Amino acid sequence: MEKGKPIVILGVFVADTAYRAARQPRMGETLLGSAFKLGPGGKGSNQAVAAARLGADVSFITRLGRDPFADMALTTWREAGVEPAVIETPESYTGAAYIFVEEESGNNAIIVCPGAATLISPADIDAKADLIRSAGVFVTQLEQPIEAAVRALEIAREAGVTTILNPAPAAKLPPEIFALCDYATPNETEAEELTGIAVASPTEARRAGEALLEKGVRSAVITLGEKGALIVDRDGAQHVPAFAAGPVVETTGAGDAFNGGFAVGLARGLTPADAVRFGCAVAGISVTRPGTAPSMPTLTEVEVLLASRASV
């Protein structure tokens, strides 16, 4: 694959504090866990790391405090090859997240405190407008203020940049945001939040995708976990199976791996369906490893999996 067009991502970095246990504690209860891990996270940062580890030219827009977690962020990006576009915010703190991982299934529950990133404003985005305009693909999520995401999508759309909105975590969105999205990439829960349609199968995912098209999105990509993903556009719908890369260890970051891979696929000129398939392969490898950023695969690993056709 060629390196492709530059990718610019707006989002949040948080330090992940991950706890493994048989189950979550009830209120007032204390449980002994089996493991703890501190590492880099945040949806936007994870997506930037995923894309950079695949060889893409990636810049990441965010705010950080001036603290050890900020140092962790800069080290993570340097090692992955992400170009930081950081607004230093000493009056606040770098974000952190609590992640509970269920031992038996690998499923997770998360609380995020974005810290300095909650101060990202439309004015901050205007200050980074030239960087956004230079991109081939622009990606954002919903962990920073929605007003900033809308402004960034506006700048990207006006410049003819391909736009991806990963509407995570699930939230109600202003109606105008949908028409700014070439692609919206919700999972089942987020798709239900946006459309009111419960998604438990590809058939329901298609209905939710069509509802997103009616709202103004050009293409909807509904991620379905172990069922893969469904891409819905004006020409119809196509289901892309998940990839079996080995036993599932942890699903934390799988959506970010998919979105980073999907962005890379589009930046390198793949068709939308092939870019979804590429993203599914990236996610398929990521869930076989613990952690978030450390689980993101290299381009070589993804190409080997794609060549094996190891879909579920």
C-alpha atoms as a PDB file:
ATOM      1  CA  MET A   1       0.000   0.000   0.000  1.00  0.00           C
ATOM      2  CA  GLU A   2       1.101   3.559  -0.643  1.00  0.00           C
ATOM      3  CA  LYS A   3       1.430   5.978   2.291  1.00  0.00           C
ATOM      4  CA  GLY A   4      -1.691   7.836   1.164  1.00  0.00           C
ATOM      5  CA  LYS A   5      -3.009  11.299   1.901  1.00  0.00           C
ATOM      6  CA  PRO A   6      -2.456  12.918   5.316  1.00  0.00           C
ATOM      7  CA  ILE A   7      -4.901  12.164   8.114  1.00  0.00           C
ATOM      8  CA  VAL A   8      -5.830  14.754  10.745  1.00  0.00           C
ATOM      9  CA  ILE A   9      -7.657  13.649  13.891  1.00  0.00           C
ATOM     10  CA  LEU A  10      -9.316  15.807  16.542  1.00  0.00           C
ATOM     11  CA  GLY A  11      -9.868  14.148  19.884  1.00  0.00           C
ATOM     12  CA  VAL A  12      -8.844  13.380  23.408  1.00  0.00           C
ATOM     13  CA  PHE A  13      -5.904  11.699  25.103  1.00  0.00           C
ATOM     14  CA  VAL A  14      -6.513  10.070  28.464  1.00  0.00           C
ATOM     15  CA  ALA A  15      -4.355   7.860  30.625  1.00  0.00           C
ATOM     16  CA  ASP A  16      -6.145   4.518  30.920  1.00  0.00           C
ATOM     17  CA  THR A  17      -6.215   2.913  34.348  1.00  0.00           C
ATOM     18  CA  ALA A  18      -7.388  -0.622  33.583  1.00  0.00           C
ATOM     19  CA  TYR A  19      -8.608  -3.075  36.217  1.00  0.00           C
ATOM     20  CA  ARG A  20      -9.348  -6.760  35.604  1.00  0.00           C
ATOM     21  CA  ALA A  21     -11.751  -8.670  37.860  1.00  0.00           C
ATOM     22  CA  ALA A  22     -14.434 -11.348  37.698  1.00  0.00           C
ATOM     23  CA  ARG A  23     -17.156  -8.681  37.832  1.00  0.00           C
ATOM     24  CA  GLN A  24     -17.751  -5.037  38.690  1.00  0.00           C
ATOM     25  CA  PRO A  25     -18.318  -4.149  42.346  1.00  0.00           C
ATOM     26  CA  ARG A  26     -21.734  -3.082  43.537  1.00  0.00           C
ATOM     27  CA  MET A  27     -22.102   0.293  45.257  1.00  0.00           C
ATOM     28  CA  GLY A  28     -20.426   0.154  48.664  1.00  0.00           C
ATOM     29  CA  GLU A  29     -18.616  -3.104  47.827  1.00  0.00           C
ATOM     30  CA  THR A  30     -14.874  -3.675  47.514  1.00  0.00           C
ATOM     31  CA  LEU A  31     -13.542  -6.496  45.322  1.00  0.00           C
ATOM     32  CA  LEU A  32     -10.042  -7.836  44.822  1.00  0.00           C
ATOM     33  CA  GLY A  33      -8.967  -7.546  41.194  1.00  0.00           C
ATOM     34  CA  SER A  34      -6.536  -9.796  39.353  1.00  0.00           C
ATOM     35  CA  ALA A  35      -4.528  -7.178  37.409  1.00  0.00           C
ATOM     36  CA  PHE A  36      -3.928  -3.471  36.907  1.00  0.00           C
ATOM     37  CA  LYS A  37      -2.382  -1.630  33.992  1.00  0.00           C
ATOM     38  CA  LEU A  38      -1.662   2.039  33.300  1.00  0.00           C
ATOM     39  CA  GLY A  39      -1.384   3.039  29.662  1.00  0.00           C
ATOM     40  CA  PRO A  40      -2.292   5.550  26.951  1.00  0.00           C
ATOM     41  CA  GLY A  41      -5.879   5.900  25.768  1.00  0.00           C
ATOM     42  CA  GLY A  42      -8.609   8.257  24.610  1.00  0.00           C
ATOM     43  CA  LYS A  43     -10.590   7.517  21.456  1.00  0.00           C
ATOM     44  CA  GLY A  44      -8.945  10.178  19.298  1.00  0.00           C
ATOM     45  CA  SER A  45      -5.441   9.347  20.489  1.00  0.00           C
ATOM     46  CA  ASN A  46      -6.017   5.617  20.003  1.00  0.00           C
ATOM     47  CA  GLN A  47      -7.254   6.229  16.472  1.00  0.00           C
ATOM     48  CA  ALA A  48      -4.237   8.404  15.701  1.00  0.00           C
ATOM     49  CA  VAL A  49      -1.856   5.734  17.035  1.00  0.00           C
ATOM     50  CA  ALA A  50      -3.671   3.014  15.073  1.00  0.00           C
ATOM     51  CA  ALA A  51      -3.381   5.002  11.837  1.00  0.00           C
ATOM     52  CA  ALA A  52       0.257   5.953  12.415  1.00  0.00           C
ATOM     53  CA  ARG A  53       1.304   2.379  13.194  1.00  0.00           C
ATOM     54  CA  LEU A  54      -0.163   1.461   9.806  1.00  0.00           C
ATOM     55  CA  GLY A  55       2.284   3.865   8.185  1.00  0.00           C
ATOM     56  CA  ALA A  56      -0.017   6.837   7.646  1.00  0.00           C
ATOM     57  CA  ASP A  57       0.934  10.520   7.943  1.00  0.00           C
ATOM     58  CA  VAL A  58      -1.125  11.470  11.027  1.00  0.00           C
ATOM     59  CA  SER A  59      -1.551  14.709  12.996  1.00  0.00           C
ATOM     60  CA  PHE A  60      -3.540  14.834  16.241  1.00  0.00           C
ATOM     61  CA  ILE A  61      -5.269  17.960  17.590  1.00  0.00           C
ATOM     62  CA  THR A  62      -5.987  18.094  21.330  1.00  0.00           C
ATOM     63  CA  ARG A  63      -5.338  19.850  24.655  1.00  0.00           C
ATOM     64  CA  LEU A  64      -3.111  18.452  27.407  1.00  0.00           C
ATOM     65  CA  GLY A  65      -2.282  19.555  30.917  1.00  0.00           C
ATOM     66  CA  ARG A  66       1.293  19.920  32.099  1.00  0.00           C
ATOM     67  CA  ASP A  67       1.744  16.727  34.104  1.00  0.00           C
ATOM     68  CA  PRO A  68       3.068  13.136  33.913  1.00  0.00           C
ATOM     69  CA  PHE A  69       0.079  11.990  31.868  1.00  0.00           C
ATOM     70  CA  ALA A  70       0.908  14.645  29.255  1.00  0.00           C
ATOM     71  CA  ASP A  71       4.441  13.245  29.140  1.00  0.00           C
ATOM     72  CA  MET A  72       2.917   9.802  28.560  1.00  0.00           C
ATOM     73  CA  ALA A  73       0.875  11.183  25.651  1.00  0.00           C
ATOM     74  CA  LEU A  74       3.861  12.779  23.929  1.00  0.00           C
ATOM     75  CA  THR A  75       5.957   9.639  24.364  1.00  0.00           C
ATOM     76  CA  THR A  76       3.161   7.470  22.959  1.00  0.00           C
ATOM     77  CA  TRP A  77       2.776   9.650  19.888  1.00  0.00           C
ATOM     78  CA  ARG A  78       6.515   9.914  19.294  1.00  0.00           C
ATOM     79  CA  GLU A  79       6.897   6.138  19.376  1.00  0.00           C
ATOM     80  CA  ALA A  80       3.928   5.616  17.019  1.00  0.00           C
ATOM     81  CA  GLY A  81       4.858   8.404  14.609  1.00  0.00           C
ATOM     82  CA  VAL A  82       1.934  10.748  15.364  1.00  0.00           C
ATOM     83  CA  GLU A  83       2.575  14.478  14.871  1.00  0.00           C
ATOM     84  CA  PRO A  84       1.084  16.302  17.899  1.00  0.00           C
ATOM     85  CA  ALA A  85      -0.854  19.546  17.409  1.00  0.00           C
ATOM     86  CA  VAL A  86      -1.234  20.210  21.138  1.00  0.00           C
ATOM     87  CA  ILE A  87      -2.566  23.226  22.995  1.00  0.00           C
ATOM     88  CA  GLU A  88      -0.824  23.136  26.380  1.00  0.00           C
ATOM     89  CA  THR A  89      -3.281  23.843  29.204  1.00  0.00           C
ATOM     90  CA  PRO A  90      -1.469  24.140  32.554  1.00  0.00           C
ATOM     91  CA  GLU A  91      -4.603  25.334  34.360  1.00  0.00           C
ATOM     92  CA  SER A  92      -6.214  21.915  33.863  1.00  0.00           C
ATOM     93  CA  TYR A  93      -5.151  18.255  33.907  1.00  0.00           C
ATOM     94  CA  THR A  94      -4.521  15.674  31.230  1.00  0.00           C
ATOM     95  CA  GLY A  95      -7.447  13.294  30.972  1.00  0.00           C
ATOM     96  CA  ALA A  96      -7.770   9.893  32.637  1.00  0.00           C
ATOM     97  CA  ALA A  97     -10.110   6.925  32.329  1.00  0.00           C
ATOM     98  CA  TYR A  98     -11.271   4.071  34.533  1.00  0.00           C
ATOM     99  CA  ILE A  99     -11.594   0.825  32.571  1.00  0.00           C
ATOM    100  CA  PHE A 100     -13.105  -2.313  34.061  1.00  0.00           C
ATOM    101  CA  VAL A 101     -12.324  -5.496  32.099  1.00  0.00           C
ATOM    102  CA  GLU A 102     -14.391  -8.618  32.804  1.00  0.00           C
ATOM    103  CA  GLU A 103     -11.982 -11.547  33.061  1.00  0.00           C
ATOM    104  CA  GLU A 104     -14.034 -14.258  31.419  1.00  0.00           C
ATOM    105  CA  SER A 105     -15.339 -12.325  28.382  1.00  0.00           C
ATOM    106  CA  GLY A 106     -12.833  -9.506  27.932  1.00  0.00           C
ATOM    107  CA  ASN A 107     -15.748  -7.050  27.749  1.00  0.00           C
ATOM    108  CA  ASN A 108     -15.299  -3.631  29.310  1.00  0.00           C
ATOM    109  CA  ALA A 109     -17.023  -0.686  31.007  1.00  0.00           C
ATOM    110  CA  ILE A 110     -15.392   2.748  30.991  1.00  0.00           C
ATOM    111  CA  ILE A 111     -15.583   6.148  32.746  1.00  0.00           C
ATOM    112  CA  VAL A 112     -13.684   8.971  31.006  1.00  0.00           C
ATOM    113  CA  CYS A 113     -12.613  12.314  32.530  1.00  0.00           C
ATOM    114  CA  PRO A 114     -11.166  14.259  29.559  1.00  0.00           C
ATOM    115  CA  GLY A 115      -9.714  17.085  31.679  1.00  0.00           C
ATOM    116  CA  ALA A 116      -8.010  19.766  29.569  1.00  0.00           C
ATOM    117  CA  ALA A 117      -9.625  18.403  26.417  1.00  0.00           C
ATOM    118  CA  THR A 118     -13.033  19.614  27.661  1.00  0.00           C
ATOM    119  CA  LEU A 119     -11.705  23.127  27.008  1.00  0.00           C
ATOM    120  CA  ILE A 120     -11.173  22.573  23.265  1.00  0.00           C
ATOM    121  CA  SER A 121     -13.139  25.379  21.601  1.00  0.00           C
ATOM    122  CA  PRO A 122     -14.177  26.442  18.093  1.00  0.00           C
ATOM    123  CA  ALA A 123     -11.502  29.162  18.383  1.00  0.00           C
ATOM    124  CA  ASP A 124      -8.904  26.442  18.960  1.00  0.00           C
ATOM    125  CA  ILE A 125     -10.130  24.714  15.824  1.00  0.00           C
ATOM    126  CA  ASP A 126      -9.922  27.929  13.786  1.00  0.00           C
ATOM    127  CA  ALA A 127      -6.302  28.240  14.917  1.00  0.00           C
ATOM    128  CA  LYS A 128      -5.642  24.761  13.441  1.00  0.00           C
ATOM    129  CA  ALA A 129      -7.702  25.355  10.278  1.00  0.00           C
ATOM    130  CA  ASP A 130      -4.756  25.179   7.875  1.00  0.00           C
ATOM    131  CA  LEU A 131      -3.742  21.801   9.287  1.00  0.00           C
ATOM    132  CA  ILE A 132      -7.288  20.471   8.839  1.00  0.00           C
ATOM    133  CA  ARG A 133      -7.439  21.798   5.271  1.00  0.00           C
ATOM    134  CA  SER A 134      -4.174  20.008   4.454  1.00  0.00           C
ATOM    135  CA  ALA A 135      -5.675  16.597   5.216  1.00  0.00           C
ATOM    136  CA  GLY A 136      -7.005  13.998   2.848  1.00  0.00           C
ATOM    137  CA  VAL A 137      -9.118  12.507   5.648  1.00  0.00           C
ATOM    138  CA  PHE A 138     -10.349  14.203   8.837  1.00  0.00           C
ATOM    139  CA  VAL A 139     -11.645  12.212  11.817  1.00  0.00           C
ATOM    140  CA  THR A 140     -13.297  13.254  15.074  1.00  0.00           C
ATOM    141  CA  GLN A 141     -15.349  11.764  17.913  1.00  0.00           C
ATOM    142  CA  LEU A 142     -17.457  13.120  20.793  1.00  0.00           C
ATOM    143  CA  GLU A 143     -15.139  13.090  23.814  1.00  0.00           C
ATOM    144  CA  GLN A 144     -14.252  16.762  23.273  1.00  0.00           C
ATOM    145  CA  PRO A 145     -16.977  19.446  23.091  1.00  0.00           C
ATOM    146  CA  ILE A 146     -19.401  18.900  20.213  1.00  0.00           C
ATOM    147  CA  GLU A 147     -19.099  22.557  19.162  1.00  0.00           C
ATOM    148  CA  ALA A 148     -15.425  21.995  18.414  1.00  0.00           C
ATOM    149  CA  ALA A 149     -16.192  18.854  16.430  1.00  0.00           C
ATOM    150  CA  VAL A 150     -18.815  20.679  14.361  1.00  0.00           C
ATOM    151  CA  ARG A 151     -16.421  23.541  13.586  1.00  0.00           C
ATOM    152  CA  ALA A 152     -13.671  21.132  12.536  1.00  0.00           C
ATOM    153  CA  LEU A 153     -16.053  19.186  10.304  1.00  0.00           C
ATOM    154  CA  GLU A 154     -17.192  22.467   8.719  1.00  0.00           C
ATOM    155  CA  ILE A 155     -13.611  23.467   7.902  1.00  0.00           C
ATOM    156  CA  ALA A 156     -12.818  20.033   6.512  1.00  0.00           C
ATOM    157  CA  ARG A 157     -15.971  19.860   4.406  1.00  0.00           C
ATOM    158  CA  GLU A 158     -15.410  23.349   2.951  1.00  0.00           C
ATOM    159  CA  ALA A 159     -11.907  22.271   1.926  1.00  0.00           C
ATOM    160  CA  GLY A 160     -13.091  19.079   0.255  1.00  0.00           C
ATOM    161  CA  VAL A 161     -11.503  16.824   2.900  1.00  0.00           C
ATOM    162  CA  THR A 162     -13.153  13.432   3.465  1.00  0.00           C
ATOM    163  CA  THR A 163     -14.839  13.564   6.877  1.00  0.00           C
ATOM    164  CA  ILE A 164     -15.419  10.752   9.375  1.00  0.00           C
ATOM    165  CA  LEU A 165     -17.467  11.190  12.546  1.00  0.00           C
ATOM    166  CA  ASN A 166     -17.123   8.407  15.077  1.00  0.00           C
ATOM    167  CA  PRO A 167     -20.129   9.336  17.279  1.00  0.00           C
ATOM    168  CA  ALA A 168     -18.656   7.947  20.477  1.00  0.00           C
ATOM    169  CA  PRO A 169     -19.471   8.019  23.283  1.00  0.00           C
ATOM    170  CA  ALA A 170     -23.177   7.888  22.452  1.00  0.00           C
ATOM    171  CA  ALA A 171     -24.805  11.321  22.609  1.00  0.00           C
ATOM    172  CA  LYS A 172     -27.593  13.376  21.092  1.00  0.00           C
ATOM    173  CA  LEU A 173     -26.201  15.491  18.270  1.00  0.00           C
ATOM    174  CA  PRO A 174     -27.189  18.815  16.692  1.00  0.00           C
ATOM    175  CA  PRO A 175     -29.019  18.163  13.406  1.00  0.00           C
ATOM    176  CA  GLU A 176     -26.529  20.160  11.355  1.00  0.00           C
ATOM    177  CA  ILE A 177     -23.641  17.820  12.115  1.00  0.00           C
ATOM    178  CA  PHE A 178     -24.927  14.953   9.968  1.00  0.00           C
ATOM    179  CA  ALA A 179     -24.653  16.768   6.628  1.00  0.00           C
ATOM    180  CA  LEU A 180     -20.986  17.463   7.409  1.00  0.00           C
ATOM    181  CA  CYS A 181     -20.172  13.743   7.557  1.00  0.00           C
ATOM    182  CA  ASP A 182     -19.017  11.753   4.566  1.00  0.00           C
ATOM    183  CA  TYR A 183     -18.993   8.790   6.941  1.00  0.00           C
ATOM    184  CA  ALA A 184     -20.534   8.187  10.367  1.00  0.00           C
ATOM    185  CA  THR A 185     -19.190   5.111  12.180  1.00  0.00           C
ATOM    186  CA  PRO A 186     -21.370   4.264  15.203  1.00  0.00           C
ATOM    187  CA  ASN A 187     -21.442   0.918  16.970  1.00  0.00           C
ATOM    188  CA  GLU A 188     -24.768  -0.736  17.797  1.00  0.00           C
ATOM    189  CA  THR A 189     -25.387   1.328  20.961  1.00  0.00           C
ATOM    190  CA  GLU A 190     -24.461   4.618  19.308  1.00  0.00           C
ATOM    191  CA  ALA A 191     -26.576   3.838  16.250  1.00  0.00           C
ATOM    192  CA  GLU A 192     -29.596   3.270  18.495  1.00  0.00           C
ATOM    193  CA  GLU A 193     -28.926   6.558  20.317  1.00  0.00           C
ATOM    194  CA  LEU A 194     -28.815   8.437  17.010  1.00  0.00           C
ATOM    195  CA  THR A 195     -31.760   6.742  15.280  1.00  0.00           C
ATOM    196  CA  GLY A 196     -33.957   5.132  17.944  1.00  0.00           C
ATOM    197  CA  ILE A 197     -33.542   1.773  16.171  1.00  0.00           C
ATOM    198  CA  ALA A 198     -32.229  -1.068  18.320  1.00  0.00           C
ATOM    199  CA  VAL A 199     -29.409  -2.785  16.440  1.00  0.00           C
ATOM    200  CA  ALA A 200     -28.822  -6.494  17.110  1.00  0.00           C
ATOM    201  CA  SER A 201     -28.330  -7.804  13.552  1.00  0.00           C
ATOM    202  CA  PRO A 202     -27.189  -6.647  10.093  1.00  0.00           C
ATOM    203  CA  THR A 203     -30.852  -6.218   9.104  1.00  0.00           C
ATOM    204  CA  GLU A 204     -31.474  -3.727  11.913  1.00  0.00           C
ATOM    205  CA  ALA A 205     -28.102  -2.121  11.213  1.00  0.00           C
ATOM    206  CA  ARG A 206     -29.241  -1.447   7.654  1.00  0.00           C
ATOM    207  CA  ARG A 207     -32.397   0.259   8.925  1.00  0.00           C
ATOM    208  CA  ALA A 208     -30.306   2.406  11.290  1.00  0.00           C
ATOM    209  CA  GLY A 209     -27.875   3.220   8.496  1.00  0.00           C
ATOM    210  CA  GLU A 210     -30.700   4.289   6.216  1.00  0.00           C
ATOM    211  CA  ALA A 211     -32.054   6.511   8.999  1.00  0.00           C
ATOM    212  CA  LEU A 212     -28.632   8.184   9.253  1.00  0.00           C
ATOM    213  CA  LEU A 213     -28.667   8.792   5.493  1.00  0.00           C
ATOM    214  CA  GLU A 214     -32.025  10.494   5.893  1.00  0.00           C
ATOM    215  CA  LYS A 215     -30.433  12.789   8.480  1.00  0.00           C
ATOM    216  CA  GLY A 216     -27.811  13.859   5.928  1.00  0.00           C
ATOM    217  CA  VAL A 217     -24.877  11.468   6.373  1.00  0.00           C
ATOM    218  CA  ARG A 218     -23.426  10.392   3.007  1.00  0.00           C
ATOM    219  CA  SER A 219     -22.473   6.894   4.159  1.00  0.00           C
ATOM    220  CA  ALA A 220     -23.055   5.058   7.441  1.00  0.00           C
ATOM    221  CA  VAL A 221     -20.730   2.349   8.715  1.00  0.00           C
ATOM    222  CA  ILE A 222     -22.335   0.451  11.600  1.00  0.00           C
ATOM    223  CA  THR A 223     -19.770  -1.604  13.514  1.00  0.00           C
ATOM    224  CA  LEU A 224     -21.186  -4.851  14.886  1.00  0.00           C
ATOM    225  CA  GLY A 225     -18.412  -6.298  17.037  1.00  0.00           C
ATOM    226  CA  GLU A 226     -17.939  -9.994  16.312  1.00  0.00           C
ATOM    227  CA  LYS A 227     -20.404  -9.676  13.412  1.00  0.00           C
ATOM    228  CA  GLY A 228     -18.127  -7.257  11.539  1.00  0.00           C
ATOM    229  CA  ALA A 229     -19.547  -4.069  10.034  1.00  0.00           C
ATOM    230  CA  LEU A 230     -22.227  -2.907   7.628  1.00  0.00           C
ATOM    231  CA  ILE A 231     -21.693  -0.035   5.201  1.00  0.00           C
ATOM    232  CA  VAL A 232     -24.862   1.692   4.012  1.00  0.00           C
ATOM    233  CA  ASP A 233     -24.959   4.334   1.258  1.00  0.00           C
ATOM    234  CA  ARG A 234     -27.290   5.517  -1.519  1.00  0.00           C
ATOM    235  CA  ASP A 235     -26.452   2.413  -3.564  1.00  0.00           C
ATOM    236  CA  GLY A 236     -27.456  -0.061  -0.871  1.00  0.00           C
ATOM    237  CA  ALA A 237     -25.779  -1.975   1.943  1.00  0.00           C
ATOM    238  CA  GLN A 238     -22.820  -4.336   2.170  1.00  0.00           C
ATOM    239  CA  HIS A 239     -21.940  -6.534   5.130  1.00  0.00           C
ATOM    240  CA  VAL A 240     -18.228  -7.029   5.870  1.00  0.00           C
ATOM    241  CA  PRO A 241     -17.465  -9.962   8.217  1.00  0.00           C
ATOM    242  CA  ALA A 242     -15.171  -9.681  11.203  1.00  0.00           C
ATOM    243  CA  PHE A 243     -11.716 -11.243  11.119  1.00  0.00           C
ATOM    244  CA  ALA A 244     -10.611 -14.126  13.335  1.00  0.00           C
ATOM    245  CA  ALA A 245      -7.023 -13.302  14.277  1.00  0.00           C
ATOM    246  CA  GLY A 246      -6.907 -15.415  17.456  1.00  0.00           C
ATOM    247  CA  PRO A 247      -8.582 -15.717  20.875  1.00  0.00           C
ATOM    248  CA  VAL A 248     -10.192 -12.510  22.154  1.00  0.00           C
ATOM    249  CA  VAL A 249      -8.221 -11.065  25.065  1.00  0.00           C
ATOM    250  CA  GLU A 250      -9.767  -7.604  25.387  1.00  0.00           C
ATOM    251  CA  THR A 251     -12.209  -5.531  23.335  1.00  0.00           C
ATOM    252  CA  THR A 252     -11.044  -2.166  24.718  1.00  0.00           C
ATOM    253  CA  GLY A 253      -9.962  -0.003  21.800  1.00  0.00           C
ATOM    254  CA  ALA A 254     -11.386  -2.257  19.084  1.00  0.00           C
ATOM    255  CA  GLY A 255     -13.621   0.518  17.765  1.00  0.00           C
ATOM    256  CA  ASP A 256     -10.673   2.899  17.727  1.00  0.00           C
ATOM    257  CA  ALA A 257      -8.576   0.327  15.868  1.00  0.00           C
ATOM    258  CA  PHE A 258     -11.361   0.012  13.304  1.00  0.00           C
ATOM    259  CA  ASN A 259     -11.721   3.766  12.830  1.00  0.00           C
ATOM    260  CA  GLY A 260      -7.978   4.300  12.513  1.00  0.00           C
ATOM    261  CA  GLY A 261      -7.761   1.511   9.974  1.00  0.00           C
ATOM    262  CA  PHE A 262     -10.826   2.719   8.069  1.00  0.00           C
ATOM    263  CA  ALA A 263      -9.322   6.215   7.810  1.00  0.00           C
ATOM    264  CA  VAL A 264      -6.056   4.772   6.522  1.00  0.00           C
ATOM    265  CA  GLY A 265      -7.903   2.718   3.928  1.00  0.00           C
ATOM    266  CA  LEU A 266      -9.731   5.790   2.627  1.00  0.00           C
ATOM    267  CA  ALA A 267      -6.534   7.881   2.692  1.00  0.00           C
ATOM    268  CA  ARG A 268      -4.832   5.265   0.532  1.00  0.00           C
ATOM    269  CA  GLY A 269      -7.602   5.271  -2.030  1.00  0.00           C
ATOM    270  CA  LEU A 270      -9.389   2.021  -1.195  1.00  0.00           C
ATOM    271  CA  THR A 271     -13.064   1.761  -2.039  1.00  0.00           C
ATOM    272  CA  PRO A 272     -15.302   2.370   0.989  1.00  0.00           C
ATOM    273  CA  ALA A 273     -16.109  -1.347   1.293  1.00  0.00           C
ATOM    274  CA  ASP A 274     -12.437  -2.308   1.084  1.00  0.00           C
ATOM    275  CA  ALA A 275     -11.577   0.404   3.631  1.00  0.00           C
ATOM    276  CA  VAL A 276     -14.185  -1.121   5.986  1.00  0.00           C
ATOM    277  CA  ARG A 277     -12.642  -4.553   5.405  1.00  0.00           C
ATOM    278  CA  PHE A 278      -9.203  -3.115   6.174  1.00  0.00           C
ATOM    279  CA  GLY A 279     -10.576  -1.553   9.377  1.00  0.00           C
ATOM    280  CA  CYS A 280     -12.159  -4.861  10.408  1.00  0.00           C
ATOM    281  CA  ALA A 281      -8.783  -6.584  10.001  1.00  0.00           C
ATOM    282  CA  VAL A 282      -7.074  -3.956  12.183  1.00  0.00           C
ATOM    283  CA  ALA A 283      -9.762  -4.399  14.860  1.00  0.00           C
ATOM    284  CA  GLY A 284      -9.568  -8.170  14.571  1.00  0.00           C
ATOM    285  CA  ILE A 285      -5.894  -8.149  15.508  1.00  0.00           C
ATOM    286  CA  SER A 286      -6.309  -5.537  18.247  1.00  0.00           C
ATOM    287  CA  VAL A 287      -8.738  -7.647  20.309  1.00  0.00           C
ATOM    288  CA  THR A 288      -6.204 -10.474  20.591  1.00  0.00           C
ATOM    289  CA  ARG A 289      -3.935  -8.264  22.734  1.00  0.00           C
ATOM    290  CA  PRO A 290      -4.311  -6.471  26.080  1.00  0.00           C
ATOM    291  CA  GLY A 291      -4.367  -2.692  26.339  1.00  0.00           C
ATOM    292  CA  THR A 292      -5.336  -0.018  23.830  1.00  0.00           C
ATOM    293  CA  ALA A 293      -2.536   1.809  22.004  1.00  0.00           C
ATOM    294  CA  PRO A 294      -0.092  -1.112  22.504  1.00  0.00           C
ATOM    295  CA  SER A 295      -2.584  -3.442  20.795  1.00  0.00           C
ATOM    296  CA  MET A 296      -2.628  -1.546  17.504  1.00  0.00           C
ATOM    297  CA  PRO A 297      -1.123  -3.685  14.731  1.00  0.00           C
ATOM    298  CA  THR A 298       1.408  -2.805  12.040  1.00  0.00           C
ATOM    299  CA  LEU A 299       0.629  -2.675   8.337  1.00  0.00           C
ATOM    300  CA  THR A 300       2.512  -5.925   7.758  1.00  0.00           C
ATOM    301  CA  GLU A 301       0.392  -7.743  10.337  1.00  0.00           C
ATOM    302  CA  VAL A 302      -2.816  -6.473   8.755  1.00  0.00           C
ATOM    303  CA  GLU A 303      -1.723  -7.396   5.243  1.00  0.00           C
ATOM    304  CA  VAL A 304      -0.899 -10.941   6.394  1.00  0.00           C
ATOM    305  CA  LEU A 305      -4.362 -11.289   7.964  1.00  0.00           C
ATOM    306  CA  LEU A 306      -6.081  -9.879   4.866  1.00  0.00           C
ATOM    307  CA  ALA A 307      -4.157 -12.311   2.659  1.00  0.00           C
ATOM    308  CA  SER A 308      -5.278 -15.214   4.846  1.00  0.00           C
ATOM    309  CA  ARG A 309      -8.948 -14.287   4.343  1.00  0.00           C
ATOM    310  CA  ALA A 310      -9.531 -15.296   7.970  1.00  0.00           C
ATOM    311  CA  SER A 311     -12.966 -13.756   8.272  1.00  0.00           C
ATOM    312  CA  VAL A 312     -15.435 -15.056  10.835  1.00  0.00           C
END
